[in-house]
Amino acid sequence: GQICINLLLARSEDVMEAALLHGGLLK
């Protein structure tokens, strides 16, 4: 179950990083 949670968290973080990059907030 923890592996599944880790995968969901990693994908959520990826979506956030994409949004930050698009918004110019991720260098």
mmCIF file of all heavy atoms, coordinates in Angstrom:
data_MODEL
# 
_entry.id   MODEL 
# 
loop_
_atom_site.group_PDB 
_atom_site.id 
_atom_site.type_symbol 
_atom_site.label_atom_id 
_atom_site.label_alt_id 
_atom_site.label_comp_id 
_atom_site.label_asym_id 
_atom_site.label_entity_id 
_atom_site.label_seq_id 
_atom_site.pdbx_PDB_ins_code 
_atom_site.Cartn_x 
_atom_site.Cartn_y 
_atom_site.Cartn_z 
_atom_site.occupancy 
_atom_site.B_iso_or_equiv 
_atom_site.pdbx_formal_charge 
_atom_site.auth_seq_id 
_atom_site.auth_comp_id 
_atom_site.auth_asym_id 
_atom_site.auth_atom_id 
_atom_site.pdbx_PDB_model_num 
ATOM 1   N N   . GLY A 1 1  ? 0.820  -1.205 0.000   1.00 0.00 ? 1  GLY A N   1 
ATOM 2   C CA  . GLY A 1 1  ? 0.000  0.000  0.000   1.00 0.00 ? 1  GLY A CA  1 
ATOM 3   C C   . GLY A 1 1  ? 0.851  1.252  0.000   1.00 0.00 ? 1  GLY A C   1 
ATOM 4   O O   . GLY A 1 1  ? 0.514  2.244  -0.665  1.00 0.00 ? 1  GLY A O   1 
ATOM 5   N N   . GLN A 1 2  ? 1.973  1.212  0.720   1.00 0.00 ? 2  GLN A N   1 
ATOM 6   C CA  . GLN A 1 2  ? 2.859  2.375  0.762   1.00 0.00 ? 2  GLN A CA  1 
ATOM 7   C C   . GLN A 1 2  ? 3.478  2.645  -0.601  1.00 0.00 ? 2  GLN A C   1 
ATOM 8   O O   . GLN A 1 2  ? 3.641  3.802  -0.995  1.00 0.00 ? 2  GLN A O   1 
ATOM 9   C CB  . GLN A 1 2  ? 3.960  2.158  1.803   1.00 0.00 ? 2  GLN A CB  1 
ATOM 10  C CG  . GLN A 1 2  ? 4.838  3.382  2.030   1.00 0.00 ? 2  GLN A CG  1 
ATOM 11  C CD  . GLN A 1 2  ? 4.051  4.573  2.553   1.00 0.00 ? 2  GLN A CD  1 
ATOM 12  O OE1 . GLN A 1 2  ? 3.381  4.474  3.571   1.00 0.00 ? 2  GLN A OE1 1 
ATOM 13  N NE2 . GLN A 1 2  ? 4.116  5.690  1.829   1.00 0.00 ? 2  GLN A NE2 1 
ATOM 14  N N   . ILE A 1 3  ? 3.823  1.585  -1.343  1.00 0.00 ? 3  ILE A N   1 
ATOM 15  C CA  . ILE A 1 3  ? 4.348  1.764  -2.693  1.00 0.00 ? 3  ILE A CA  1 
ATOM 16  C C   . ILE A 1 3  ? 3.311  2.457  -3.570  1.00 0.00 ? 3  ILE A C   1 
ATOM 17  O O   . ILE A 1 3  ? 3.635  3.368  -4.347  1.00 0.00 ? 3  ILE A O   1 
ATOM 18  C CB  . ILE A 1 3  ? 4.757  0.409  -3.307  1.00 0.00 ? 3  ILE A CB  1 
ATOM 19  C CG1 . ILE A 1 3  ? 6.008  -0.135 -2.613  1.00 0.00 ? 3  ILE A CG1 1 
ATOM 20  C CG2 . ILE A 1 3  ? 4.985  0.545  -4.811  1.00 0.00 ? 3  ILE A CG2 1 
ATOM 21  C CD1 . ILE A 1 3  ? 7.286  0.605  -2.942  1.00 0.00 ? 3  ILE A CD1 1 
ATOM 22  N N   . CYS A 1 4  ? 2.056  2.048  -3.462  1.00 0.00 ? 4  CYS A N   1 
ATOM 23  C CA  . CYS A 1 4  ? 0.995  2.688  -4.253  1.00 0.00 ? 4  CYS A CA  1 
ATOM 24  C C   . CYS A 1 4  ? 0.856  4.162  -3.884  1.00 0.00 ? 4  CYS A C   1 
ATOM 25  O O   . CYS A 1 4  ? 0.713  5.024  -4.762  1.00 0.00 ? 4  CYS A O   1 
ATOM 26  C CB  . CYS A 1 4  ? -0.334 1.968  -4.026  1.00 0.00 ? 4  CYS A CB  1 
ATOM 27  S SG  . CYS A 1 4  ? -0.400 0.279  -4.683  1.00 0.00 ? 4  CYS A SG  1 
ATOM 28  N N   . ILE A 1 5  ? 0.896  4.452  -2.592  1.00 0.00 ? 5  ILE A N   1 
ATOM 29  C CA  . ILE A 1 5  ? 0.817  5.844  -2.140  1.00 0.00 ? 5  ILE A CA  1 
ATOM 30  C C   . ILE A 1 5  ? 2.008  6.643  -2.658  1.00 0.00 ? 5  ILE A C   1 
ATOM 31  O O   . ILE A 1 5  ? 1.865  7.778  -3.128  1.00 0.00 ? 5  ILE A O   1 
ATOM 32  C CB  . ILE A 1 5  ? 0.748  5.902  -0.599  1.00 0.00 ? 5  ILE A CB  1 
ATOM 33  C CG1 . ILE A 1 5  ? -0.579 5.328  -0.110  1.00 0.00 ? 5  ILE A CG1 1 
ATOM 34  C CG2 . ILE A 1 5  ? 0.932  7.334  -0.093  1.00 0.00 ? 5  ILE A CG2 1 
ATOM 35  C CD1 . ILE A 1 5  ? -0.655 5.134  1.388   1.00 0.00 ? 5  ILE A CD1 1 
ATOM 36  N N   . ASN A 1 6  ? 3.205  6.047  -2.584  1.00 0.00 ? 6  ASN A N   1 
ATOM 37  C CA  . ASN A 1 6  ? 4.404  6.723  -3.065  1.00 0.00 ? 6  ASN A CA  1 
ATOM 38  C C   . ASN A 1 6  ? 4.292  7.060  -4.552  1.00 0.00 ? 6  ASN A C   1 
ATOM 39  O O   . ASN A 1 6  ? 4.716  8.132  -4.999  1.00 0.00 ? 6  ASN A O   1 
ATOM 40  C CB  . ASN A 1 6  ? 5.641  5.861  -2.819  1.00 0.00 ? 6  ASN A CB  1 
ATOM 41  C CG  . ASN A 1 6  ? 6.039  5.807  -1.360  1.00 0.00 ? 6  ASN A CG  1 
ATOM 42  O OD1 . ASN A 1 6  ? 5.498  6.529  -0.531  1.00 0.00 ? 6  ASN A OD1 1 
ATOM 43  N ND2 . ASN A 1 6  ? 6.978  4.947  -1.035  1.00 0.00 ? 6  ASN A ND2 1 
ATOM 44  N N   . LEU A 1 7  ? 3.732  6.141  -5.328  1.00 0.00 ? 7  LEU A N   1 
ATOM 45  C CA  . LEU A 1 7  ? 3.574  6.378  -6.761  1.00 0.00 ? 7  LEU A CA  1 
ATOM 46  C C   . LEU A 1 7  ? 2.593  7.521  -7.014  1.00 0.00 ? 7  LEU A C   1 
ATOM 47  O O   . LEU A 1 7  ? 2.847  8.392  -7.857  1.00 0.00 ? 7  LEU A O   1 
ATOM 48  C CB  . LEU A 1 7  ? 3.094  5.102  -7.454  1.00 0.00 ? 7  LEU A CB  1 
ATOM 49  C CG  . LEU A 1 7  ? 2.906  5.186  -8.971  1.00 0.00 ? 7  LEU A CG  1 
ATOM 50  C CD1 . LEU A 1 7  ? 4.211  5.590  -9.656  1.00 0.00 ? 7  LEU A CD1 1 
ATOM 51  C CD2 . LEU A 1 7  ? 2.412  3.852  -9.521  1.00 0.00 ? 7  LEU A CD2 1 
ATOM 52  N N   . LEU A 1 8  ? 1.498  7.545  -6.271  1.00 0.00 ? 8  LEU A N   1 
ATOM 53  C CA  . LEU A 1 8  ? 0.522  8.627  -6.421  1.00 0.00 ? 8  LEU A CA  1 
ATOM 54  C C   . LEU A 1 8  ? 1.138  9.971  -6.031  1.00 0.00 ? 8  LEU A C   1 
ATOM 55  O O   . LEU A 1 8  ? 0.925  10.992 -6.701  1.00 0.00 ? 8  LEU A O   1 
ATOM 56  C CB  . LEU A 1 8  ? -0.717 8.343  -5.570  1.00 0.00 ? 8  LEU A CB  1 
ATOM 57  C CG  . LEU A 1 8  ? -1.613 7.204  -6.053  1.00 0.00 ? 8  LEU A CG  1 
ATOM 58  C CD1 . LEU A 1 8  ? -2.706 6.914  -5.030  1.00 0.00 ? 8  LEU A CD1 1 
ATOM 59  C CD2 . LEU A 1 8  ? -2.234 7.544  -7.410  1.00 0.00 ? 8  LEU A CD2 1 
ATOM 60  N N   . LEU A 1 9  ? 1.906  9.985  -4.942  1.00 0.00 ? 9  LEU A N   1 
ATOM 61  C CA  . LEU A 1 9  ? 2.551  11.226 -4.503  1.00 0.00 ? 9  LEU A CA  1 
ATOM 62  C C   . LEU A 1 9  ? 3.577  11.705 -5.524  1.00 0.00 ? 9  LEU A C   1 
ATOM 63  O O   . LEU A 1 9  ? 3.694  12.907 -5.793  1.00 0.00 ? 9  LEU A O   1 
ATOM 64  C CB  . LEU A 1 9  ? 3.212  11.016 -3.143  1.00 0.00 ? 9  LEU A CB  1 
ATOM 65  C CG  . LEU A 1 9  ? 2.271  10.849 -1.946  1.00 0.00 ? 9  LEU A CG  1 
ATOM 66  C CD1 . LEU A 1 9  ? 3.058  10.467 -0.698  1.00 0.00 ? 9  LEU A CD1 1 
ATOM 67  C CD2 . LEU A 1 9  ? 1.474  12.124 -1.701  1.00 0.00 ? 9  LEU A CD2 1 
ATOM 68  N N   . ALA A 1 10 ? 4.336  10.761 -6.094  1.00 0.00 ? 10 ALA A N   1 
ATOM 69  C CA  . ALA A 1 10 ? 5.343  11.135 -7.093  1.00 0.00 ? 10 ALA A CA  1 
ATOM 70  C C   . ALA A 1 10 ? 4.688  11.727 -8.333  1.00 0.00 ? 10 ALA A C   1 
ATOM 71  O O   . ALA A 1 10 ? 5.171  12.720 -8.893  1.00 0.00 ? 10 ALA A O   1 
ATOM 72  C CB  . ALA A 1 10 ? 6.181  9.908  -7.466  1.00 0.00 ? 10 ALA A CB  1 
ATOM 73  N N   . ARG A 1 11 ? 3.571  11.154 -8.760  1.00 0.00 ? 11 ARG A N   1 
ATOM 74  C CA  . ARG A 1 11 ? 2.875  11.682 -9.935  1.00 0.00 ? 11 ARG A CA  1 
ATOM 75  C C   . ARG A 1 11 ? 2.231  13.033 -9.631  1.00 0.00 ? 11 ARG A C   1 
ATOM 76  O O   . ARG A 1 11 ? 2.203  13.930 -10.489 1.00 0.00 ? 11 ARG A O   1 
ATOM 77  C CB  . ARG A 1 11 ? 1.836  10.678 -10.430 1.00 0.00 ? 11 ARG A CB  1 
ATOM 78  C CG  . ARG A 1 11 ? 2.460  9.391  -10.980 1.00 0.00 ? 11 ARG A CG  1 
ATOM 79  C CD  . ARG A 1 11 ? 1.486  8.584  -11.810 1.00 0.00 ? 11 ARG A CD  1 
ATOM 80  N NE  . ARG A 1 11 ? 2.097  7.384  -12.364 1.00 0.00 ? 11 ARG A NE  1 
ATOM 81  C CZ  . ARG A 1 11 ? 2.854  7.354  -13.447 1.00 0.00 ? 11 ARG A CZ  1 
ATOM 82  N NH1 . ARG A 1 11 ? 3.119  8.480  -14.086 1.00 0.00 ? 11 ARG A NH1 1 
ATOM 83  N NH2 . ARG A 1 11 ? 3.355  6.215  -13.891 1.00 0.00 ? 11 ARG A NH2 1 
ATOM 84  N N   . SER A 1 12 ? 1.725  13.195 -8.421  1.00 0.00 ? 12 SER A N   1 
ATOM 85  C CA  . SER A 1 12 ? 1.151  14.482 -8.026  1.00 0.00 ? 12 SER A CA  1 
ATOM 86  C C   . SER A 1 12 ? 2.224  15.566 -8.004  1.00 0.00 ? 12 SER A C   1 
ATOM 87  O O   . SER A 1 12 ? 1.997  16.701 -8.447  1.00 0.00 ? 12 SER A O   1 
ATOM 88  C CB  . SER A 1 12 ? 0.491  14.367 -6.647  1.00 0.00 ? 12 SER A CB  1 
ATOM 89  O OG  . SER A 1 12 ? -0.583 13.453 -6.677  1.00 0.00 ? 12 SER A OG  1 
ATOM 90  N N   . GLU A 1 13 ? 3.400  15.207 -7.501  1.00 0.00 ? 13 GLU A N   1 
ATOM 91  C CA  . GLU A 1 13 ? 4.512  16.146 -7.479  1.00 0.00 ? 13 GLU A CA  1 
ATOM 92  C C   . GLU A 1 13 ? 4.922  16.527 -8.889  1.00 0.00 ? 13 GLU A C   1 
ATOM 93  O O   . GLU A 1 13 ? 5.266  17.683 -9.161  1.00 0.00 ? 13 GLU A O   1 
ATOM 94  C CB  . GLU A 1 13 ? 5.692  15.531 -6.733  1.00 0.00 ? 13 GLU A CB  1 
ATOM 95  C CG  . GLU A 1 13 ? 6.859  16.480 -6.524  1.00 0.00 ? 13 GLU A CG  1 
ATOM 96  C CD  . GLU A 1 13 ? 7.963  15.868 -5.681  1.00 0.00 ? 13 GLU A CD  1 
ATOM 97  O OE1 . GLU A 1 13 ? 7.753  14.781 -5.107  1.00 0.00 ? 13 GLU A OE1 1 
ATOM 98  O OE2 . GLU A 1 13 ? 9.034  16.485 -5.601  1.00 0.00 ? 13 GLU A OE2 1 
ATOM 99  N N   . ASP A 1 14 ? 4.863  15.567 -9.802  1.00 0.00 ? 14 ASP A N   1 
ATOM 100 C CA  . ASP A 1 14 ? 5.218  15.847 -11.191 1.00 0.00 ? 14 ASP A CA  1 
ATOM 101 C C   . ASP A 1 14 ? 4.255  16.859 -11.807 1.00 0.00 ? 14 ASP A C   1 
ATOM 102 O O   . ASP A 1 14 ? 4.678  17.770 -12.533 1.00 0.00 ? 14 ASP A O   1 
ATOM 103 C CB  . ASP A 1 14 ? 5.200  14.545 -11.986 1.00 0.00 ? 14 ASP A CB  1 
ATOM 104 C CG  . ASP A 1 14 ? 5.670  14.732 -13.423 1.00 0.00 ? 14 ASP A CG  1 
ATOM 105 O OD1 . ASP A 1 14 ? 6.836  15.107 -13.608 1.00 0.00 ? 14 ASP A OD1 1 
ATOM 106 O OD2 . ASP A 1 14 ? 4.873  14.504 -14.347 1.00 0.00 ? 14 ASP A OD2 1 
ATOM 107 N N   . VAL A 1 15 ? 2.973  16.710 -11.533 1.00 0.00 ? 15 VAL A N   1 
ATOM 108 C CA  . VAL A 1 15 ? 1.970  17.659 -12.040 1.00 0.00 ? 15 VAL A CA  1 
ATOM 109 C C   . VAL A 1 15 ? 2.234  19.056 -11.470 1.00 0.00 ? 15 VAL A C   1 
ATOM 110 O O   . VAL A 1 15 ? 2.161  20.064 -12.190 1.00 0.00 ? 15 VAL A O   1 
ATOM 111 C CB  . VAL A 1 15 ? 0.551  17.178 -11.684 1.00 0.00 ? 15 VAL A CB  1 
ATOM 112 C CG1 . VAL A 1 15 ? -0.486 18.251 -12.020 1.00 0.00 ? 15 VAL A CG1 1 
ATOM 113 C CG2 . VAL A 1 15 ? 0.225  15.877 -12.424 1.00 0.00 ? 15 VAL A CG2 1 
ATOM 114 N N   . MET A 1 16 ? 2.565  19.114 -10.189 1.00 0.00 ? 16 MET A N   1 
ATOM 115 C CA  . MET A 1 16 ? 2.850  20.403 -9.556  1.00 0.00 ? 16 MET A CA  1 
ATOM 116 C C   . MET A 1 16 ? 4.083  21.048 -10.168 1.00 0.00 ? 16 MET A C   1 
ATOM 117 O O   . MET A 1 16 ? 4.104  22.256 -10.430 1.00 0.00 ? 16 MET A O   1 
ATOM 118 C CB  . MET A 1 16 ? 3.043  20.217 -8.046  1.00 0.00 ? 16 MET A CB  1 
ATOM 119 C CG  . MET A 1 16 ? 3.297  21.515 -7.288  1.00 0.00 ? 16 MET A CG  1 
ATOM 120 S SD  . MET A 1 16 ? 3.616  21.217 -5.530  1.00 0.00 ? 16 MET A SD  1 
ATOM 121 C CE  . MET A 1 16 ? 2.089  20.402 -5.051  1.00 0.00 ? 16 MET A CE  1 
ATOM 122 N N   . GLU A 1 17 ? 5.126  20.252 -10.408 1.00 0.00 ? 17 GLU A N   1 
ATOM 123 C CA  . GLU A 1 17 ? 6.355  20.793 -10.989 1.00 0.00 ? 17 GLU A CA  1 
ATOM 124 C C   . GLU A 1 17 ? 6.095  21.325 -12.395 1.00 0.00 ? 17 GLU A C   1 
ATOM 125 O O   . GLU A 1 17 ? 6.645  22.360 -12.790 1.00 0.00 ? 17 GLU A O   1 
ATOM 126 C CB  . GLU A 1 17 ? 7.439  19.718 -11.007 1.00 0.00 ? 17 GLU A CB  1 
ATOM 127 C CG  . GLU A 1 17 ? 7.979  19.384 -9.620  1.00 0.00 ? 17 GLU A CG  1 
ATOM 128 C CD  . GLU A 1 17 ? 8.960  18.226 -9.631  1.00 0.00 ? 17 GLU A CD  1 
ATOM 129 O OE1 . GLU A 1 17 ? 9.168  17.634 -10.716 1.00 0.00 ? 17 GLU A OE1 1 
ATOM 130 O OE2 . GLU A 1 17 ? 9.520  17.916 -8.572  1.00 0.00 ? 17 GLU A OE2 1 
ATOM 131 N N   . ALA A 1 18 ? 5.255  20.631 -13.164 1.00 0.00 ? 18 ALA A N   1 
ATOM 132 C CA  . ALA A 1 18 ? 4.924  21.105 -14.503 1.00 0.00 ? 18 ALA A CA  1 
ATOM 133 C C   . ALA A 1 18 ? 4.203  22.452 -14.436 1.00 0.00 ? 18 ALA A C   1 
ATOM 134 O O   . ALA A 1 18 ? 4.491  23.356 -15.239 1.00 0.00 ? 18 ALA A O   1 
ATOM 135 C CB  . ALA A 1 18 ? 4.043  20.074 -15.223 1.00 0.00 ? 18 ALA A CB  1 
ATOM 136 N N   . ALA A 1 19 ? 3.294  22.591 -13.475 1.00 0.00 ? 19 ALA A N   1 
ATOM 137 C CA  . ALA A 1 19 ? 2.567  23.849 -13.320 1.00 0.00 ? 19 ALA A CA  1 
ATOM 138 C C   . ALA A 1 19 ? 3.504  24.974 -12.889 1.00 0.00 ? 19 ALA A C   1 
ATOM 139 O O   . ALA A 1 19 ? 3.409  26.111 -13.379 1.00 0.00 ? 19 ALA A O   1 
ATOM 140 C CB  . ALA A 1 19 ? 1.443  23.672 -12.309 1.00 0.00 ? 19 ALA A CB  1 
ATOM 141 N N   . LEU A 1 20 ? 4.413  24.684 -11.983 1.00 0.00 ? 20 LEU A N   1 
ATOM 142 C CA  . LEU A 1 20 ? 5.368  25.697 -11.520 1.00 0.00 ? 20 LEU A CA  1 
ATOM 143 C C   . LEU A 1 20 ? 6.294  26.137 -12.653 1.00 0.00 ? 20 LEU A C   1 
ATOM 144 O O   . LEU A 1 20 ? 6.616  27.318 -12.788 1.00 0.00 ? 20 LEU A O   1 
ATOM 145 C CB  . LEU A 1 20 ? 6.188  25.143 -10.355 1.00 0.00 ? 20 LEU A CB  1 
ATOM 146 C CG  . LEU A 1 20 ? 5.435  24.938 -9.037  1.00 0.00 ? 20 LEU A CG  1 
ATOM 147 C CD1 . LEU A 1 20 ? 6.323  24.211 -8.033  1.00 0.00 ? 20 LEU A CD1 1 
ATOM 148 C CD2 . LEU A 1 20 ? 4.967  26.271 -8.460  1.00 0.00 ? 20 LEU A CD2 1 
ATOM 149 N N   . LEU A 1 21 ? 6.722  25.167 -13.472 1.00 0.00 ? 21 LEU A N   1 
ATOM 150 C CA  . LEU A 1 21 ? 7.586  25.503 -14.605 1.00 0.00 ? 21 LEU A CA  1 
ATOM 151 C C   . LEU A 1 21 ? 6.843  26.383 -15.595 1.00 0.00 ? 21 LEU A C   1 
ATOM 152 O O   . LEU A 1 21 ? 7.376  27.386 -16.090 1.00 0.00 ? 21 LEU A O   1 
ATOM 153 C CB  . LEU A 1 21 ? 8.070  24.217 -15.282 1.00 0.00 ? 21 LEU A CB  1 
ATOM 154 C CG  . LEU A 1 21 ? 9.010  24.396 -16.478 1.00 0.00 ? 21 LEU A CG  1 
ATOM 155 C CD1 . LEU A 1 21 ? 10.319 25.052 -16.037 1.00 0.00 ? 21 LEU A CD1 1 
ATOM 156 C CD2 . LEU A 1 21 ? 9.288  23.044 -17.143 1.00 0.00 ? 21 LEU A CD2 1 
ATOM 157 N N   . HIS A 1 22 ? 5.597  26.030 -15.886 1.00 0.00 ? 22 HIS A N   1 
ATOM 158 C CA  . HIS A 1 22 ? 4.782  26.809 -16.820 1.00 0.00 ? 22 HIS A CA  1 
ATOM 159 C C   . HIS A 1 22 ? 4.566  28.227 -16.300 1.00 0.00 ? 22 HIS A C   1 
ATOM 160 O O   . HIS A 1 22 ? 4.514  29.180 -17.081 1.00 0.00 ? 22 HIS A O   1 
ATOM 161 C CB  . HIS A 1 22 ? 3.439  26.115 -17.042 1.00 0.00 ? 22 HIS A CB  1 
ATOM 162 C CG  . HIS A 1 22 ? 2.549  26.822 -18.020 1.00 0.00 ? 22 HIS A CG  1 
ATOM 163 N ND1 . HIS A 1 22 ? 2.786  26.819 -19.378 1.00 0.00 ? 22 HIS A ND1 1 
ATOM 164 C CD2 . HIS A 1 22 ? 1.419  27.568 -17.829 1.00 0.00 ? 22 HIS A CD2 1 
ATOM 165 C CE1 . HIS A 1 22 ? 1.852  27.532 -19.987 1.00 0.00 ? 22 HIS A CE1 1 
ATOM 166 N NE2 . HIS A 1 22 ? 1.013  27.987 -19.075 1.00 0.00 ? 22 HIS A NE2 1 
ATOM 167 N N   . GLY A 1 23 ? 4.448  28.347 -14.988 1.00 0.00 ? 23 GLY A N   1 
ATOM 168 C CA  . GLY A 1 23 ? 4.223  29.656 -14.391 1.00 0.00 ? 23 GLY A CA  1 
ATOM 169 C C   . GLY A 1 23 ? 5.493  30.445 -14.124 1.00 0.00 ? 23 GLY A C   1 
ATOM 170 O O   . GLY A 1 23 ? 5.435  31.548 -13.557 1.00 0.00 ? 23 GLY A O   1 
ATOM 171 N N   . GLY A 1 24 ? 6.634  29.886 -14.506 1.00 0.00 ? 24 GLY A N   1 
ATOM 172 C CA  . GLY A 1 24 ? 7.893  30.583 -14.316 1.00 0.00 ? 24 GLY A CA  1 
ATOM 173 C C   . GLY A 1 24 ? 8.426  30.545 -12.901 1.00 0.00 ? 24 GLY A C   1 
ATOM 174 O O   . GLY A 1 24 ? 9.333  31.308 -12.552 1.00 0.00 ? 24 GLY A O   1 
ATOM 175 N N   . LEU A 1 25 ? 7.888  29.665 -12.079 1.00 0.00 ? 25 LEU A N   1 
ATOM 176 C CA  . LEU A 1 25 ? 8.278  29.602 -10.669 1.00 0.00 ? 25 LEU A CA  1 
ATOM 177 C C   . LEU A 1 25 ? 9.278  28.482 -10.380 1.00 0.00 ? 25 LEU A C   1 
ATOM 178 O O   . LEU A 1 25 ? 9.771  28.374 -9.263  1.00 0.00 ? 25 LEU A O   1 
ATOM 179 C CB  . LEU A 1 25 ? 7.034  29.427 -9.789  1.00 0.00 ? 25 LEU A CB  1 
ATOM 180 C CG  . LEU A 1 25 ? 5.994  30.546 -9.887  1.00 0.00 ? 25 LEU A CG  1 
ATOM 181 C CD1 . LEU A 1 25 ? 4.776  30.206 -9.056  1.00 0.00 ? 25 LEU A CD1 1 
ATOM 182 C CD2 . LEU A 1 25 ? 6.598  31.869 -9.445  1.00 0.00 ? 25 LEU A CD2 1 
ATOM 183 N N   . LEU A 1 26 ? 9.548  27.658 -11.372 1.00 0.00 ? 26 LEU A N   1 
ATOM 184 C CA  . LEU A 1 26 ? 10.526 26.573 -11.219 1.00 0.00 ? 26 LEU A CA  1 
ATOM 185 C C   . LEU A 1 26 ? 11.691 26.853 -12.154 1.00 0.00 ? 26 LEU A C   1 
ATOM 186 O O   . LEU A 1 26 ? 11.528 26.870 -13.384 1.00 0.00 ? 26 LEU A O   1 
ATOM 187 C CB  . LEU A 1 26 ? 9.892  25.219 -11.554 1.00 0.00 ? 26 LEU A CB  1 
ATOM 188 C CG  . LEU A 1 26 ? 10.756 23.976 -11.320 1.00 0.00 ? 26 LEU A CG  1 
ATOM 189 C CD1 . LEU A 1 26 ? 11.055 23.799 -9.848  1.00 0.00 ? 26 LEU A CD1 1 
ATOM 190 C CD2 . LEU A 1 26 ? 10.059 22.734 -11.875 1.00 0.00 ? 26 LEU A CD2 1 
ATOM 191 N N   . LYS A 1 27 ? 12.846 27.104 -11.600 1.00 0.00 ? 27 LYS A N   1 
ATOM 192 C CA  . LYS A 1 27 ? 14.021 27.459 -12.386 1.00 0.00 ? 27 LYS A CA  1 
ATOM 193 C C   . LYS A 1 27 ? 14.869 26.227 -12.673 1.00 0.00 ? 27 LYS A C   1 
ATOM 194 O O   . LYS A 1 27 ? 15.190 25.457 -11.768 1.00 0.00 ? 27 LYS A O   1 
ATOM 195 C CB  . LYS A 1 27 ? 14.854 28.507 -11.653 1.00 0.00 ? 27 LYS A CB  1 
ATOM 196 C CG  . LYS A 1 27 ? 14.083 29.769 -11.275 1.00 0.00 ? 27 LYS A CG  1 
ATOM 197 C CD  . LYS A 1 27 ? 13.506 30.463 -12.509 1.00 0.00 ? 27 LYS A CD  1 
ATOM 198 C CE  . LYS A 1 27 ? 12.762 31.742 -12.114 1.00 0.00 ? 27 LYS A CE  1 
ATOM 199 N NZ  . LYS A 1 27 ? 12.142 32.391 -13.309 1.00 0.00 ? 27 LYS A NZ  1 
# 
